[in-house]
C-alpha cells in the first residue's frame, strides 16, 4: 500500500494557493478542472517530496465549510529550521497558533482552518526568543 494524498476542501482557491505555496512552500504538482462536476482539484507537494501530496478541492459554486478541521486532525511537515519557517510564515501574515517554544513543534492554520503541524527535522533546536515566551493564539 502507498500513501497518495490528503484531501481538504477550500472556499477560496486563490487564498489557499497563496497560503500553501507562497507561505508554506509547497509546489503545485498538477491541476484538474472538472467542468461537468464544477470543481477543481489541485495537488501540492513539498520540494523534494512530491509523493506526499495535499489535494485542494475547490467547488466553483461554493461550499459551506464548517469547523471540521479539529475532526480532520492536521497536516504535518518537517522543516529544516522551525524558527526560520515560523518567522517566514509570520512575516507573510500567518498567525502562529502554537509557537515553537520547545524548538521542535509549531502549529498554524490555513485560510480554511486546517491545522498544519510543523516539526523540526532531527533533534529539537535550543529554545530561543521570541518563541520561548510566546503564548498560543487561538485554536491549533
C-alpha atoms as a PDB file:
ATOM      1  CA  UNK A   1       0.000   0.000   0.000  1.00  0.00           C
ATOM      2  CA  UNK A   2       1.226   3.509  -0.826  1.00  0.00           C
ATOM      3  CA  UNK A   3       0.131   6.815   0.679  1.00  0.00           C
ATOM      4  CA  UNK A   4      -1.224   9.102  -2.062  1.00  0.00           C
ATOM      5  CA  UNK A   5      -2.626  12.339  -0.645  1.00  0.00           C
ATOM      6  CA  UNK A   6      -4.830  14.072   1.917  1.00  0.00           C
ATOM      7  CA  UNK A   7      -7.823  15.980   0.538  1.00  0.00           C
ATOM      8  CA  UNK A   8      -9.065  19.219   2.064  1.00  0.00           C
ATOM      9  CA  UNK A   9     -11.960  21.330   0.806  1.00  0.00           C
ATOM     10  CA  UNK A  10     -11.244  25.026   0.327  1.00  0.00           C
ATOM     11  CA  UNK A  11     -13.524  28.066  -0.013  1.00  0.00           C
ATOM     12  CA  UNK A  12     -11.127  30.380  -1.853  1.00  0.00           C
ATOM     13  CA  UNK A  13      -8.641  28.690  -4.189  1.00  0.00           C
ATOM     14  CA  UNK A  14      -6.517  31.846  -4.578  1.00  0.00           C
ATOM     15  CA  UNK A  15      -6.172  32.391  -0.808  1.00  0.00           C
ATOM     16  CA  UNK A  16      -5.420  28.692  -0.326  1.00  0.00           C
ATOM     17  CA  UNK A  17      -2.782  28.621  -3.082  1.00  0.00           C
ATOM     18  CA  UNK A  18      -1.193  31.735  -1.558  1.00  0.00           C
ATOM     19  CA  UNK A  19      -1.027  30.059   1.860  1.00  0.00           C
ATOM     20  CA  UNK A  20       0.110  26.586   0.804  1.00  0.00           C
ATOM     21  CA  UNK A  21       2.549  27.688  -1.934  1.00  0.00           C
ATOM     22  CA  UNK A  22       3.806  31.178  -1.115  1.00  0.00           C
ATOM     23  CA  UNK A  23       3.845  30.880   2.675  1.00  0.00           C
ATOM     24  CA  UNK A  24       4.144  27.149   3.427  1.00  0.00           C
ATOM     25  CA  UNK A  25       6.393  26.457   0.423  1.00  0.00           C
ATOM     26  CA  UNK A  26       4.521  23.648  -1.336  1.00  0.00           C
ATOM     27  CA  UNK A  27       4.573  23.385  -5.125  1.00  0.00           C
ATOM     28  CA  UNK A  28       1.703  22.676  -7.497  1.00  0.00           C
ATOM     29  CA  UNK A  29       2.165  19.188  -8.975  1.00  0.00           C
ATOM     30  CA  UNK A  30      -0.950  19.079 -11.144  1.00  0.00           C
ATOM     31  CA  UNK A  31      -4.385  20.648 -11.556  1.00  0.00           C
ATOM     32  CA  UNK A  32      -7.621  19.127 -12.838  1.00  0.00           C
ATOM     33  CA  UNK A  33     -10.659  21.244 -13.750  1.00  0.00           C
ATOM     34  CA  UNK A  34     -13.824  19.122 -13.927  1.00  0.00           C
ATOM     35  CA  UNK A  35     -16.399  21.184 -15.824  1.00  0.00           C
ATOM     36  CA  UNK A  36     -19.179  18.609 -15.531  1.00  0.00           C
ATOM     37  CA  UNK A  37     -18.840  18.459 -11.733  1.00  0.00           C
ATOM     38  CA  UNK A  38     -17.942  22.170 -11.467  1.00  0.00           C
ATOM     39  CA  UNK A  39     -14.887  21.707  -9.287  1.00  0.00           C
ATOM     40  CA  UNK A  40     -11.102  21.989  -9.404  1.00  0.00           C
ATOM     41  CA  UNK A  41      -8.541  19.650  -7.846  1.00  0.00           C
ATOM     42  CA  UNK A  42      -5.054  21.000  -7.159  1.00  0.00           C
ATOM     43  CA  UNK A  43      -2.352  18.594  -5.991  1.00  0.00           C
ATOM     44  CA  UNK A  44       0.505  20.136  -3.991  1.00  0.00           C
ATOM     45  CA  UNK A  45       3.753  18.566  -2.822  1.00  0.00           C
ATOM     46  CA  UNK A  46       6.756  19.615  -0.801  1.00  0.00           C
ATOM     47  CA  UNK A  47      10.024  20.287  -2.627  1.00  0.00           C
ATOM     48  CA  UNK A  48      11.880  17.011  -2.960  1.00  0.00           C
ATOM     49  CA  UNK A  49       8.909  15.034  -1.649  1.00  0.00           C
ATOM     50  CA  UNK A  50       6.227  15.281  -4.333  1.00  0.00           C
ATOM     51  CA  UNK A  51       4.836  11.838  -3.439  1.00  0.00           C
ATOM     52  CA  UNK A  52       3.292  13.108  -0.183  1.00  0.00           C
ATOM     53  CA  UNK A  53       0.594  15.392  -1.524  1.00  0.00           C
ATOM     54  CA  UNK A  54      -2.250  17.572  -0.371  1.00  0.00           C
ATOM     55  CA  UNK A  55      -5.251  17.734  -2.687  1.00  0.00           C
ATOM     56  CA  UNK A  56      -7.142  21.020  -2.529  1.00  0.00           C
ATOM     57  CA  UNK A  57     -10.739  20.554  -3.688  1.00  0.00           C
ATOM     58  CA  UNK A  58     -12.480  23.746  -4.768  1.00  0.00           C
ATOM     59  CA  UNK A  59     -16.182  23.844  -5.708  1.00  0.00           C
ATOM     60  CA  UNK A  60     -16.863  26.510  -8.338  1.00  0.00           C
ATOM     61  CA  UNK A  61     -20.318  27.136  -6.868  1.00  0.00           C
ATOM     62  CA  UNK A  62     -19.009  27.487  -3.329  1.00  0.00           C
ATOM     63  CA  UNK A  63     -19.001  25.166  -0.362  1.00  0.00           C
ATOM     64  CA  UNK A  64     -20.194  25.792   3.153  1.00  0.00           C
ATOM     65  CA  UNK A  65     -17.307  24.573   5.247  1.00  0.00           C
ATOM     66  CA  UNK A  66     -17.785  24.015   8.962  1.00  0.00           C
ATOM     67  CA  UNK A  67     -15.194  23.846  11.668  1.00  0.00           C
ATOM     68  CA  UNK A  68     -14.308  20.259  10.774  1.00  0.00           C
ATOM     69  CA  UNK A  69     -10.568  20.796  10.984  1.00  0.00           C
ATOM     70  CA  UNK A  70     -10.442  19.506  14.560  1.00  0.00           C
ATOM     71  CA  UNK A  71     -12.207  16.301  13.461  1.00  0.00           C
ATOM     72  CA  UNK A  72      -9.873  16.063  10.473  1.00  0.00           C
ATOM     73  CA  UNK A  73      -6.737  16.399  12.564  1.00  0.00           C
ATOM     74  CA  UNK A  74      -3.872  18.121  10.764  1.00  0.00           C
ATOM     75  CA  UNK A  75      -1.294  18.020   8.016  1.00  0.00           C
ATOM     76  CA  UNK A  76       2.308  17.676   9.201  1.00  0.00           C
ATOM     77  CA  UNK A  77       5.542  18.782   7.543  1.00  0.00           C
ATOM     78  CA  UNK A  78       9.168  18.502   8.675  1.00  0.00           C
ATOM     79  CA  UNK A  79      11.177  21.697   8.235  1.00  0.00           C
ATOM     80  CA  UNK A  80      14.969  22.207   8.327  1.00  0.00           C
ATOM     81  CA  UNK A  81      14.703  25.112  10.826  1.00  0.00           C
ATOM     82  CA  UNK A  82      11.481  25.555  12.808  1.00  0.00           C
ATOM     83  CA  UNK A  83      12.338  29.136  13.823  1.00  0.00           C
ATOM     84  CA  UNK A  84      13.078  30.283  10.275  1.00  0.00           C
ATOM     85  CA  UNK A  85       9.920  28.585   8.967  1.00  0.00           C
ATOM     86  CA  UNK A  86       7.728  30.258  11.606  1.00  0.00           C
ATOM     87  CA  UNK A  87       9.375  33.650  11.048  1.00  0.00           C
ATOM     88  CA  UNK A  88       8.782  33.367   7.274  1.00  0.00           C
ATOM     89  CA  UNK A  89       5.128  32.486   7.887  1.00  0.00           C
ATOM     90  CA  UNK A  90       4.669  35.284  10.417  1.00  0.00           C
ATOM     91  CA  UNK A  91       6.323  37.782   8.058  1.00  0.00           C
ATOM     92  CA  UNK A  92       3.756  36.677   5.456  1.00  0.00           C
ATOM     93  CA  UNK A  93       0.855  37.490   7.783  1.00  0.00           C
ATOM     94  CA  UNK A  94       0.203  33.927   9.007  1.00  0.00           C
ATOM     95  CA  UNK A  95      -0.700  33.588  12.697  1.00  0.00           C
ATOM     96  CA  UNK A  96       1.486  31.163  14.643  1.00  0.00           C
ATOM     97  CA  UNK A  97      -1.184  29.456  16.755  1.00  0.00           C
ATOM     98  CA  UNK A  98       1.245  27.283  18.729  1.00  0.00           C
ATOM     99  CA  UNK A  99       4.733  28.804  18.670  1.00  0.00           C
ATOM    100  CA  UNK A 100       7.818  26.535  18.658  1.00  0.00           C
ATOM    101  CA  UNK A 101       8.657  27.220  22.314  1.00  0.00           C
ATOM    102  CA  UNK A 102      10.347  23.811  22.530  1.00  0.00           C
ATOM    103  CA  UNK A 103      12.384  24.289  19.335  1.00  0.00           C
ATOM    104  CA  UNK A 104      10.570  21.329  17.825  1.00  0.00           C
ATOM    105  CA  UNK A 105       6.847  21.813  17.105  1.00  0.00           C
ATOM    106  CA  UNK A 106       4.560  24.616  15.912  1.00  0.00           C
ATOM    107  CA  UNK A 107       1.027  24.867  14.528  1.00  0.00           C
ATOM    108  CA  UNK A 108      -0.556  27.286  12.060  1.00  0.00           C
ATOM    109  CA  UNK A 109      -3.903  27.242  10.246  1.00  0.00           C
ATOM    110  CA  UNK A 110      -4.801  27.568   6.580  1.00  0.00           C
ATOM    111  CA  UNK A 111      -7.425  30.096   5.380  1.00  0.00           C
ATOM    112  CA  UNK A 112      -9.969  27.238   5.776  1.00  0.00           C
ATOM    113  CA  UNK A 113      -8.899  26.484   9.377  1.00  0.00           C
ATOM    114  CA  UNK A 114      -6.976  23.315   8.532  1.00  0.00           C
ATOM    115  CA  UNK A 115      -4.355  22.722  11.232  1.00  0.00           C
ATOM    116  CA  UNK A 116      -0.797  22.466   9.896  1.00  0.00           C
ATOM    117  CA  UNK A 117       1.851  20.989  12.194  1.00  0.00           C
ATOM    118  CA  UNK A 118       5.471  21.963  11.580  1.00  0.00           C
ATOM    119  CA  UNK A 119       8.138  19.710  13.090  1.00  0.00           C
ATOM    120  CA  UNK A 120      11.860  20.354  13.328  1.00  0.00           C
ATOM    121  CA  UNK A 121      13.844  17.826  11.298  1.00  0.00           C
ATOM    122  CA  UNK A 122      16.082  15.817  13.597  1.00  0.00           C
ATOM    123  CA  UNK A 123      16.682  16.991  17.137  1.00  0.00           C
ATOM    124  CA  UNK A 124      14.900  19.982  18.643  1.00  0.00           C
ATOM    125  CA  UNK A 125      16.676  23.325  18.372  1.00  0.00           C
ATOM    126  CA  UNK A 126      17.677  25.117  21.575  1.00  0.00           C
ATOM    127  CA  UNK A 127      14.821  27.317  22.860  1.00  0.00           C
ATOM    128  CA  UNK A 128      15.201  30.944  21.816  1.00  0.00           C
ATOM    129  CA  UNK A 129      13.290  34.200  21.938  1.00  0.00           C
ATOM    130  CA  UNK A 130      10.842  35.454  20.928  1.00  0.00           C
ATOM    131  CA  UNK A 131       9.495  31.921  20.551  1.00  0.00           C
ATOM    132  CA  UNK A 132      10.284  30.615  24.049  1.00  0.00           C
ATOM    133  CA  UNK A 133       7.965  33.117  25.764  1.00  0.00           C
ATOM    134  CA  UNK A 134       5.340  33.484  23.013  1.00  0.00           C
ATOM    135  CA  UNK A 135       1.806  32.466  24.008  1.00  0.00           C
ATOM    136  CA  UNK A 136      -0.592  30.304  21.991  1.00  0.00           C
ATOM    137  CA  UNK A 137      -3.047  32.232  19.845  1.00  0.00           C
ATOM    138  CA  UNK A 138      -6.448  30.779  19.001  1.00  0.00           C
ATOM    139  CA  UNK A 139      -7.038  27.092  18.279  1.00  0.00           C
ATOM    140  CA  UNK A 140      -4.396  24.781  16.902  1.00  0.00           C
END
